[in-house]
Amino acid sequence: MNNNDIFKKLRVALQLRDDQIVEIMQLVDFRISAAELGAFFRNADHPKYMDCGDQVLRNFLNGLVIHLRGTKENPKNAMDVIKQNQEVVKKNISEKQKAEFKPTAKTEFKKKPFNPKDKKAAPKIQIVEKVQYKNGKSKK
């Protein structure tokens, strides 16, 4: 397991967005852009993939400690910070779902489940006429 894998797993486990990770890095005076972070989170076979160095991961972990626990002067409860992140993620997901859902005339009415018995028996239409083939033989 390399530094990129550890970084990815921490991001997912703590439900951190790229902008939050940039802020965490700034807590320890380490400047990094969101584009550089994206390079760390790519697949290893991607052309823009970049290895996460020890210095980057170390600064992220130090910043994460300050982000979750706070400082000696201003301590925080880590679980409160994690719950706030979860609420933000849930809020963003629900906003996306609301933005994607556009009610139309069809969605205003509740659809009934499909029941094959409710289908009216429509007359069968023959598309091809019945043809008798004589195979080149004539009937006498």
N, C-alpha and C. Protein backbone atom coordinates (compact mmCIF):
# COMPACT_ATOMS: atom_id res chain seq x y z
N MET A 1 0.86 -1.18 0.00
CA MET A 1 0.00 0.00 0.00
C MET A 1 0.91 1.24 0.00
N ASN A 2 0.65 2.12 -0.96
CA ASN A 2 1.50 3.31 -1.06
C ASN A 2 0.78 4.54 -0.47
N ASN A 3 1.45 5.67 -0.49
CA ASN A 3 0.90 6.90 0.10
C ASN A 3 -0.40 7.32 -0.58
N ASN A 4 -0.51 7.10 -1.90
CA ASN A 4 -1.73 7.48 -2.61
C ASN A 4 -2.93 6.70 -2.08
N ASP A 5 -2.72 5.39 -1.84
CA ASP A 5 -3.81 4.56 -1.33
C ASP A 5 -4.24 5.03 0.06
N ILE A 6 -3.27 5.35 0.91
CA ILE A 6 -3.59 5.82 2.26
C ILE A 6 -4.36 7.14 2.19
N PHE A 7 -3.91 8.04 1.32
CA PHE A 7 -4.55 9.34 1.15
C PHE A 7 -6.00 9.17 0.68
N LYS A 8 -6.21 8.29 -0.31
CA LYS A 8 -7.56 8.03 -0.84
C LYS A 8 -8.47 7.47 0.24
N LYS A 9 -7.96 6.50 1.00
CA LYS A 9 -8.78 5.85 2.02
C LYS A 9 -9.17 6.82 3.13
N LEU A 10 -8.25 7.71 3.51
CA LEU A 10 -8.57 8.71 4.52
C LEU A 10 -9.62 9.70 4.00
N ARG A 11 -9.48 10.09 2.76
CA ARG A 11 -10.44 11.02 2.16
C ARG A 11 -11.84 10.42 2.16
N VAL A 12 -11.95 9.16 1.77
CA VAL A 12 -13.26 8.50 1.72
C VAL A 12 -13.81 8.26 3.13
N ALA A 13 -12.96 7.77 4.04
CA ALA A 13 -13.41 7.45 5.39
C ALA A 13 -13.90 8.70 6.14
N LEU A 14 -13.23 9.81 5.93
CA LEU A 14 -13.60 11.04 6.64
C LEU A 14 -14.55 11.92 5.82
N GLN A 15 -14.90 11.47 4.62
CA GLN A 15 -15.83 12.18 3.72
C GLN A 15 -15.37 13.62 3.49
N LEU A 16 -14.13 13.75 3.03
CA LEU A 16 -13.55 15.06 2.79
C LEU A 16 -13.60 15.39 1.30
N ARG A 17 -13.93 16.64 0.99
CA ARG A 17 -13.89 17.12 -0.38
C ARG A 17 -12.51 17.74 -0.63
N ASP A 18 -12.21 17.97 -1.89
CA ASP A 18 -10.89 18.52 -2.25
C ASP A 18 -10.66 19.89 -1.62
N ASP A 19 -11.68 20.73 -1.59
CA ASP A 19 -11.50 22.06 -1.00
C ASP A 19 -11.24 21.97 0.51
N GLN A 20 -11.83 20.98 1.16
CA GLN A 20 -11.57 20.79 2.59
C GLN A 20 -10.14 20.31 2.81
N ILE A 21 -9.65 19.45 1.93
CA ILE A 21 -8.27 18.97 2.06
C ILE A 21 -7.28 20.12 1.86
N VAL A 22 -7.58 21.01 0.92
CA VAL A 22 -6.72 22.18 0.71
C VAL A 22 -6.68 23.04 1.98
N GLU A 23 -7.84 23.23 2.61
CA GLU A 23 -7.89 24.01 3.86
C GLU A 23 -7.12 23.32 4.98
N ILE A 24 -7.22 21.98 5.05
CA ILE A 24 -6.48 21.23 6.07
C ILE A 24 -4.98 21.39 5.88
N MET A 25 -4.54 21.36 4.63
CA MET A 25 -3.11 21.53 4.35
C MET A 25 -2.64 22.94 4.72
N GLN A 26 -3.52 23.92 4.56
CA GLN A 26 -3.14 25.30 4.89
C GLN A 26 -3.00 25.50 6.40
N LEU A 27 -3.62 24.62 7.20
CA LEU A 27 -3.48 24.73 8.65
C LEU A 27 -2.02 24.53 9.09
N VAL A 28 -1.25 23.79 8.31
CA VAL A 28 0.17 23.56 8.63
C VAL A 28 1.06 24.32 7.66
N ASP A 29 0.54 25.37 7.04
CA ASP A 29 1.28 26.22 6.10
C ASP A 29 1.87 25.44 4.93
N PHE A 30 1.09 24.51 4.40
CA PHE A 30 1.51 23.76 3.22
C PHE A 30 0.52 24.07 2.11
N ARG A 31 0.98 24.70 1.05
CA ARG A 31 0.11 25.12 -0.05
C ARG A 31 0.08 24.03 -1.11
N ILE A 32 -1.13 23.67 -1.50
CA ILE A 32 -1.33 22.69 -2.56
C ILE A 32 -2.64 23.04 -3.27
N SER A 33 -2.68 22.82 -4.56
CA SER A 33 -3.89 23.16 -5.31
C SER A 33 -4.79 21.94 -5.45
N ALA A 34 -6.03 22.18 -5.81
CA ALA A 34 -6.99 21.10 -6.00
C ALA A 34 -6.60 20.23 -7.19
N ALA A 35 -5.95 20.82 -8.20
CA ALA A 35 -5.50 20.05 -9.36
C ALA A 35 -4.41 19.06 -8.97
N GLU A 36 -3.51 19.48 -8.10
CA GLU A 36 -2.47 18.57 -7.63
C GLU A 36 -3.07 17.43 -6.82
N LEU A 37 -4.09 17.75 -6.02
CA LEU A 37 -4.77 16.70 -5.26
C LEU A 37 -5.44 15.70 -6.20
N GLY A 38 -6.05 16.21 -7.25
CA GLY A 38 -6.70 15.33 -8.22
C GLY A 38 -5.72 14.35 -8.85
N ALA A 39 -4.49 14.78 -9.04
CA ALA A 39 -3.47 13.90 -9.60
C ALA A 39 -3.13 12.76 -8.63
N PHE A 40 -3.20 13.01 -7.33
CA PHE A 40 -2.94 11.96 -6.35
C PHE A 40 -4.05 10.92 -6.32
N PHE A 41 -5.28 11.34 -6.61
CA PHE A 41 -6.43 10.45 -6.48
C PHE A 41 -6.77 9.71 -7.77
N ARG A 42 -6.01 9.91 -8.83
CA ARG A 42 -6.25 9.22 -10.09
C ARG A 42 -5.77 7.78 -10.03
N ASN A 43 -6.18 6.99 -11.04
CA ASN A 43 -5.67 5.63 -11.16
C ASN A 43 -4.19 5.67 -11.55
N ALA A 44 -3.47 4.63 -11.18
CA ALA A 44 -2.03 4.60 -11.41
C ALA A 44 -1.69 4.56 -12.90
N ASP A 45 -2.60 4.06 -13.74
CA ASP A 45 -2.31 3.99 -15.17
C ASP A 45 -2.73 5.24 -15.93
N HIS A 46 -3.30 6.22 -15.25
CA HIS A 46 -3.72 7.46 -15.89
C HIS A 46 -2.49 8.31 -16.24
N PRO A 47 -2.50 8.99 -17.38
CA PRO A 47 -1.31 9.78 -17.76
C PRO A 47 -1.00 10.95 -16.81
N LYS A 48 -2.00 11.48 -16.12
CA LYS A 48 -1.77 12.62 -15.22
C LYS A 48 -1.60 12.19 -13.76
N TYR A 49 -1.45 10.89 -13.53
CA TYR A 49 -1.25 10.37 -12.17
C TYR A 49 0.08 10.87 -11.61
N MET A 50 0.10 11.15 -10.30
CA MET A 50 1.32 11.60 -9.65
C MET A 50 1.45 10.87 -8.31
N ASP A 51 2.66 10.44 -7.99
CA ASP A 51 2.89 9.79 -6.70
C ASP A 51 2.80 10.80 -5.58
N CYS A 52 2.16 10.40 -4.49
CA CYS A 52 2.06 11.26 -3.31
C CYS A 52 3.32 11.05 -2.49
N GLY A 53 4.06 12.09 -2.29
CA GLY A 53 5.31 11.98 -1.54
C GLY A 53 5.07 11.91 -0.04
N ASP A 54 6.11 11.54 0.67
CA ASP A 54 6.01 11.44 2.13
C ASP A 54 5.72 12.80 2.77
N GLN A 55 6.29 13.86 2.21
CA GLN A 55 6.10 15.19 2.77
C GLN A 55 4.64 15.62 2.66
N VAL A 56 4.01 15.33 1.54
CA VAL A 56 2.59 15.72 1.34
C VAL A 56 1.71 14.97 2.33
N LEU A 57 1.91 13.65 2.43
CA LEU A 57 1.09 12.85 3.34
C LEU A 57 1.33 13.26 4.79
N ARG A 58 2.60 13.52 5.16
CA ARG A 58 2.92 13.93 6.53
C ARG A 58 2.22 15.25 6.88
N ASN A 59 2.28 16.22 5.96
CA ASN A 59 1.62 17.50 6.22
C ASN A 59 0.11 17.35 6.27
N PHE A 60 -0.44 16.47 5.45
CA PHE A 60 -1.89 16.24 5.52
C PHE A 60 -2.28 15.65 6.87
N LEU A 61 -1.51 14.67 7.34
CA LEU A 61 -1.83 14.04 8.63
C LEU A 61 -1.69 15.03 9.78
N ASN A 62 -0.66 15.87 9.74
CA ASN A 62 -0.50 16.89 10.79
C ASN A 62 -1.65 17.89 10.74
N GLY A 63 -2.04 18.30 9.54
CA GLY A 63 -3.16 19.22 9.41
C GLY A 63 -4.48 18.58 9.82
N LEU A 64 -4.60 17.29 9.56
CA LEU A 64 -5.82 16.57 9.94
C LEU A 64 -5.97 16.51 11.45
N VAL A 65 -4.85 16.35 12.16
CA VAL A 65 -4.89 16.36 13.63
C VAL A 65 -5.39 17.71 14.13
N ILE A 66 -4.89 18.78 13.56
CA ILE A 66 -5.35 20.12 13.97
C ILE A 66 -6.81 20.32 13.59
N HIS A 67 -7.19 19.84 12.42
CA HIS A 67 -8.57 20.00 11.95
C HIS A 67 -9.56 19.27 12.86
N LEU A 68 -9.21 18.05 13.26
CA LEU A 68 -10.13 17.25 14.05
C LEU A 68 -10.06 17.56 15.54
N ARG A 69 -8.86 17.71 16.08
CA ARG A 69 -8.70 17.92 17.53
C ARG A 69 -8.63 19.38 17.93
N GLY A 70 -8.25 20.23 17.00
CA GLY A 70 -8.06 21.64 17.34
C GLY A 70 -6.68 21.86 17.92
N THR A 71 -6.47 23.05 18.43
CA THR A 71 -5.18 23.38 19.05
C THR A 71 -5.31 23.30 20.56
N LYS A 72 -4.19 23.50 21.27
CA LYS A 72 -4.24 23.47 22.73
C LYS A 72 -5.11 24.61 23.26
N GLU A 73 -5.04 25.76 22.58
CA GLU A 73 -5.82 26.91 23.01
C GLU A 73 -7.30 26.77 22.68
N ASN A 74 -7.59 26.08 21.59
CA ASN A 74 -8.98 25.95 21.12
C ASN A 74 -9.26 24.49 20.76
N PRO A 75 -9.41 23.60 21.78
CA PRO A 75 -9.62 22.18 21.47
C PRO A 75 -11.01 21.92 20.88
N LYS A 76 -11.11 20.85 20.07
CA LYS A 76 -12.37 20.44 19.45
C LYS A 76 -12.60 18.97 19.74
N ASN A 77 -13.86 18.55 19.59
CA ASN A 77 -14.19 17.13 19.67
C ASN A 77 -14.17 16.59 18.24
N ALA A 78 -13.37 15.57 18.01
CA ALA A 78 -13.19 15.04 16.66
C ALA A 78 -14.50 14.51 16.08
N MET A 79 -15.32 13.87 16.89
CA MET A 79 -16.57 13.30 16.38
C MET A 79 -17.54 14.40 15.94
N ASP A 80 -17.51 15.55 16.60
CA ASP A 80 -18.37 16.66 16.17
C ASP A 80 -17.97 17.15 14.78
N VAL A 81 -16.67 17.22 14.52
CA VAL A 81 -16.18 17.67 13.22
C VAL A 81 -16.56 16.67 12.14
N ILE A 82 -16.43 15.38 12.43
CA ILE A 82 -16.79 14.33 11.46
C ILE A 82 -18.28 14.37 11.16
N LYS A 83 -19.11 14.56 12.18
CA LYS A 83 -20.57 14.64 11.97
C LYS A 83 -20.93 15.87 11.13
N GLN A 84 -20.24 16.98 11.33
CA GLN A 84 -20.49 18.16 10.51
C GLN A 84 -20.17 17.87 9.05
N ASN A 85 -19.07 17.17 8.80
CA ASN A 85 -18.72 16.79 7.43
C ASN A 85 -19.78 15.89 6.82
N GLN A 86 -20.30 14.94 7.60
CA GLN A 86 -21.33 14.05 7.10
C GLN A 86 -22.60 14.81 6.75
N GLU A 87 -22.97 15.79 7.58
CA GLU A 87 -24.16 16.58 7.30
C GLU A 87 -24.00 17.39 6.02
N VAL A 88 -22.82 17.94 5.82
CA VAL A 88 -22.56 18.71 4.60
C VAL A 88 -22.66 17.82 3.38
N VAL A 89 -22.11 16.61 3.47
CA VAL A 89 -22.16 15.67 2.35
C VAL A 89 -23.60 15.28 2.05
N LYS A 90 -24.38 14.97 3.08
CA LYS A 90 -25.79 14.61 2.87
C LYS A 90 -26.57 15.76 2.27
N LYS A 91 -26.29 16.97 2.73
CA LYS A 91 -26.97 18.16 2.20
C LYS A 91 -26.65 18.35 0.72
N ASN A 92 -25.37 18.18 0.35
CA ASN A 92 -24.97 18.32 -1.05
C ASN A 92 -25.61 17.26 -1.93
N ILE A 93 -25.72 16.04 -1.42
CA ILE A 93 -26.34 14.96 -2.19
C ILE A 93 -27.81 15.25 -2.40
N SER A 94 -28.51 15.69 -1.36
CA SER A 94 -29.94 15.97 -1.51
C SER A 94 -30.18 17.15 -2.44
N GLU A 95 -29.29 18.15 -2.42
CA GLU A 95 -29.43 19.29 -3.34
C GLU A 95 -29.22 18.85 -4.79
N LYS A 96 -28.28 17.95 -5.02
CA LYS A 96 -28.05 17.44 -6.37
C LYS A 96 -29.27 16.68 -6.87
N GLN A 97 -29.85 15.86 -5.99
CA GLN A 97 -31.02 15.08 -6.39
C GLN A 97 -32.20 16.00 -6.71
N LYS A 98 -32.37 17.05 -5.94
CA LYS A 98 -33.46 17.99 -6.20
C LYS A 98 -33.23 18.73 -7.51
N ALA A 99 -31.98 19.07 -7.78
CA ALA A 99 -31.66 19.79 -9.01
C ALA A 99 -31.85 18.90 -10.23
N GLU A 100 -31.56 17.61 -10.10
CA GLU A 100 -31.70 16.69 -11.23
C GLU A 100 -33.15 16.34 -11.50
N PHE A 101 -34.00 16.35 -10.48
CA PHE A 101 -35.40 15.97 -10.64
C PHE A 101 -36.19 17.16 -11.15
N LYS A 102 -36.74 17.02 -12.34
CA LYS A 102 -37.57 18.06 -12.92
C LYS A 102 -38.96 17.47 -13.15
N PRO A 103 -39.95 17.90 -12.36
CA PRO A 103 -41.28 17.30 -12.51
C PRO A 103 -41.90 17.67 -13.86
N THR A 104 -42.53 16.69 -14.45
CA THR A 104 -43.25 16.90 -15.71
C THR A 104 -44.68 16.47 -15.50
N ALA A 105 -45.48 16.61 -16.54
CA ALA A 105 -46.89 16.24 -16.44
C ALA A 105 -47.02 14.75 -16.15
N LYS A 106 -46.12 13.95 -16.67
CA LYS A 106 -46.19 12.51 -16.45
C LYS A 106 -45.82 12.13 -15.02
N THR A 107 -44.88 12.84 -14.39
CA THR A 107 -44.44 12.47 -13.05
C THR A 107 -45.37 13.01 -11.96
N GLU A 108 -46.32 13.87 -12.31
CA GLU A 108 -47.22 14.40 -11.30
C GLU A 108 -48.20 13.34 -10.83
N PHE A 109 -48.57 12.41 -11.70
CA PHE A 109 -49.50 11.36 -11.34
C PHE A 109 -48.71 10.13 -10.93
N LYS A 110 -49.23 9.45 -9.93
CA LYS A 110 -48.57 8.26 -9.47
C LYS A 110 -48.81 7.13 -10.46
N LYS A 111 -47.78 6.49 -10.90
CA LYS A 111 -47.93 5.42 -11.87
C LYS A 111 -48.39 4.15 -11.17
N LYS A 112 -49.29 3.43 -11.84
CA LYS A 112 -49.76 2.17 -11.31
C LYS A 112 -48.79 1.09 -11.73
N PRO A 113 -48.63 0.06 -10.91
CA PRO A 113 -47.75 -1.02 -11.32
C PRO A 113 -48.35 -1.76 -12.52
N PHE A 114 -47.50 -2.30 -13.37
CA PHE A 114 -47.94 -2.97 -14.58
C PHE A 114 -48.61 -4.28 -14.23
N ASN A 115 -49.78 -4.49 -14.77
CA ASN A 115 -50.51 -5.74 -14.59
C ASN A 115 -50.92 -6.22 -15.98
N PRO A 116 -50.46 -7.40 -16.42
CA PRO A 116 -50.77 -7.85 -17.78
C PRO A 116 -52.26 -8.11 -17.99
N LYS A 117 -53.03 -8.37 -16.94
CA LYS A 117 -54.47 -8.62 -17.07
C LYS A 117 -55.23 -7.35 -17.43
N ASP A 118 -54.68 -6.19 -17.06
CA ASP A 118 -55.34 -4.93 -17.36
C ASP A 118 -55.24 -4.57 -18.84
N LYS A 119 -54.35 -5.20 -19.54
CA LYS A 119 -54.13 -4.88 -20.94
C LYS A 119 -55.30 -5.41 -21.76
N LYS A 120 -55.87 -4.55 -22.58
CA LYS A 120 -56.98 -4.95 -23.42
C LYS A 120 -56.46 -5.84 -24.54
N ALA A 121 -57.29 -6.82 -24.90
CA ALA A 121 -56.91 -7.74 -25.97
C ALA A 121 -57.07 -7.03 -27.31
N ALA A 122 -55.97 -6.71 -27.92
CA ALA A 122 -55.99 -6.04 -29.23
C ALA A 122 -56.02 -7.11 -30.31
N PRO A 123 -56.72 -6.83 -31.41
CA PRO A 123 -56.74 -7.83 -32.49
C PRO A 123 -55.34 -8.01 -33.07
N LYS A 124 -55.03 -9.26 -33.38
CA LYS A 124 -53.71 -9.54 -33.94
C LYS A 124 -53.69 -9.14 -35.39
N ILE A 125 -52.65 -8.47 -35.78
CA ILE A 125 -52.51 -8.02 -37.15
C ILE A 125 -51.40 -8.84 -37.79
N GLN A 126 -51.74 -9.43 -38.95
CA GLN A 126 -50.72 -10.19 -39.66
C GLN A 126 -49.94 -9.25 -40.56
N ILE A 127 -48.68 -9.26 -40.39
CA ILE A 127 -47.84 -8.38 -41.18
C ILE A 127 -47.51 -9.02 -42.51
N VAL A 128 -47.25 -10.31 -42.53
CA VAL A 128 -46.89 -11.01 -43.76
C VAL A 128 -48.06 -11.92 -44.16
N GLU A 129 -48.41 -11.87 -45.43
CA GLU A 129 -49.49 -12.73 -45.92
C GLU A 129 -49.01 -14.17 -45.97
N LYS A 130 -49.97 -15.08 -45.83
CA LYS A 130 -49.63 -16.48 -45.95
C LYS A 130 -49.47 -16.81 -47.43
N VAL A 131 -48.36 -17.40 -47.77
CA VAL A 131 -48.05 -17.70 -49.15
C VAL A 131 -47.78 -19.20 -49.27
N GLN A 132 -48.34 -19.80 -50.33
CA GLN A 132 -48.05 -21.19 -50.59
C GLN A 132 -46.95 -21.28 -51.63
N TYR A 133 -45.92 -22.03 -51.33
CA TYR A 133 -44.82 -22.22 -52.26
C TYR A 133 -45.01 -23.56 -52.97
N LYS A 134 -44.85 -23.53 -54.25
CA LYS A 134 -45.01 -24.76 -55.03
C LYS A 134 -43.67 -25.35 -55.43
N ASN A 135 -42.62 -24.67 -55.14
CA ASN A 135 -41.26 -25.11 -55.47
C ASN A 135 -41.10 -25.44 -56.95
N GLY A 136 -41.68 -24.62 -57.79
CA GLY A 136 -41.53 -24.80 -59.23
C GLY A 136 -42.36 -25.91 -59.80
N LYS A 137 -43.19 -26.57 -59.02
CA LYS A 137 -44.03 -27.64 -59.51
C LYS A 137 -45.44 -27.11 -59.69
N SER A 138 -46.02 -27.49 -60.75
CA SER A 138 -47.40 -27.07 -60.97
C SER A 138 -48.35 -28.18 -60.60
N LYS A 139 -49.49 -27.81 -60.08
CA LYS A 139 -50.49 -28.80 -59.70
C LYS A 139 -51.35 -29.13 -60.91
N LYS A 140 -51.55 -30.41 -61.18
CA LYS A 140 -52.38 -30.82 -62.30
C LYS A 140 -53.52 -31.62 -61.84
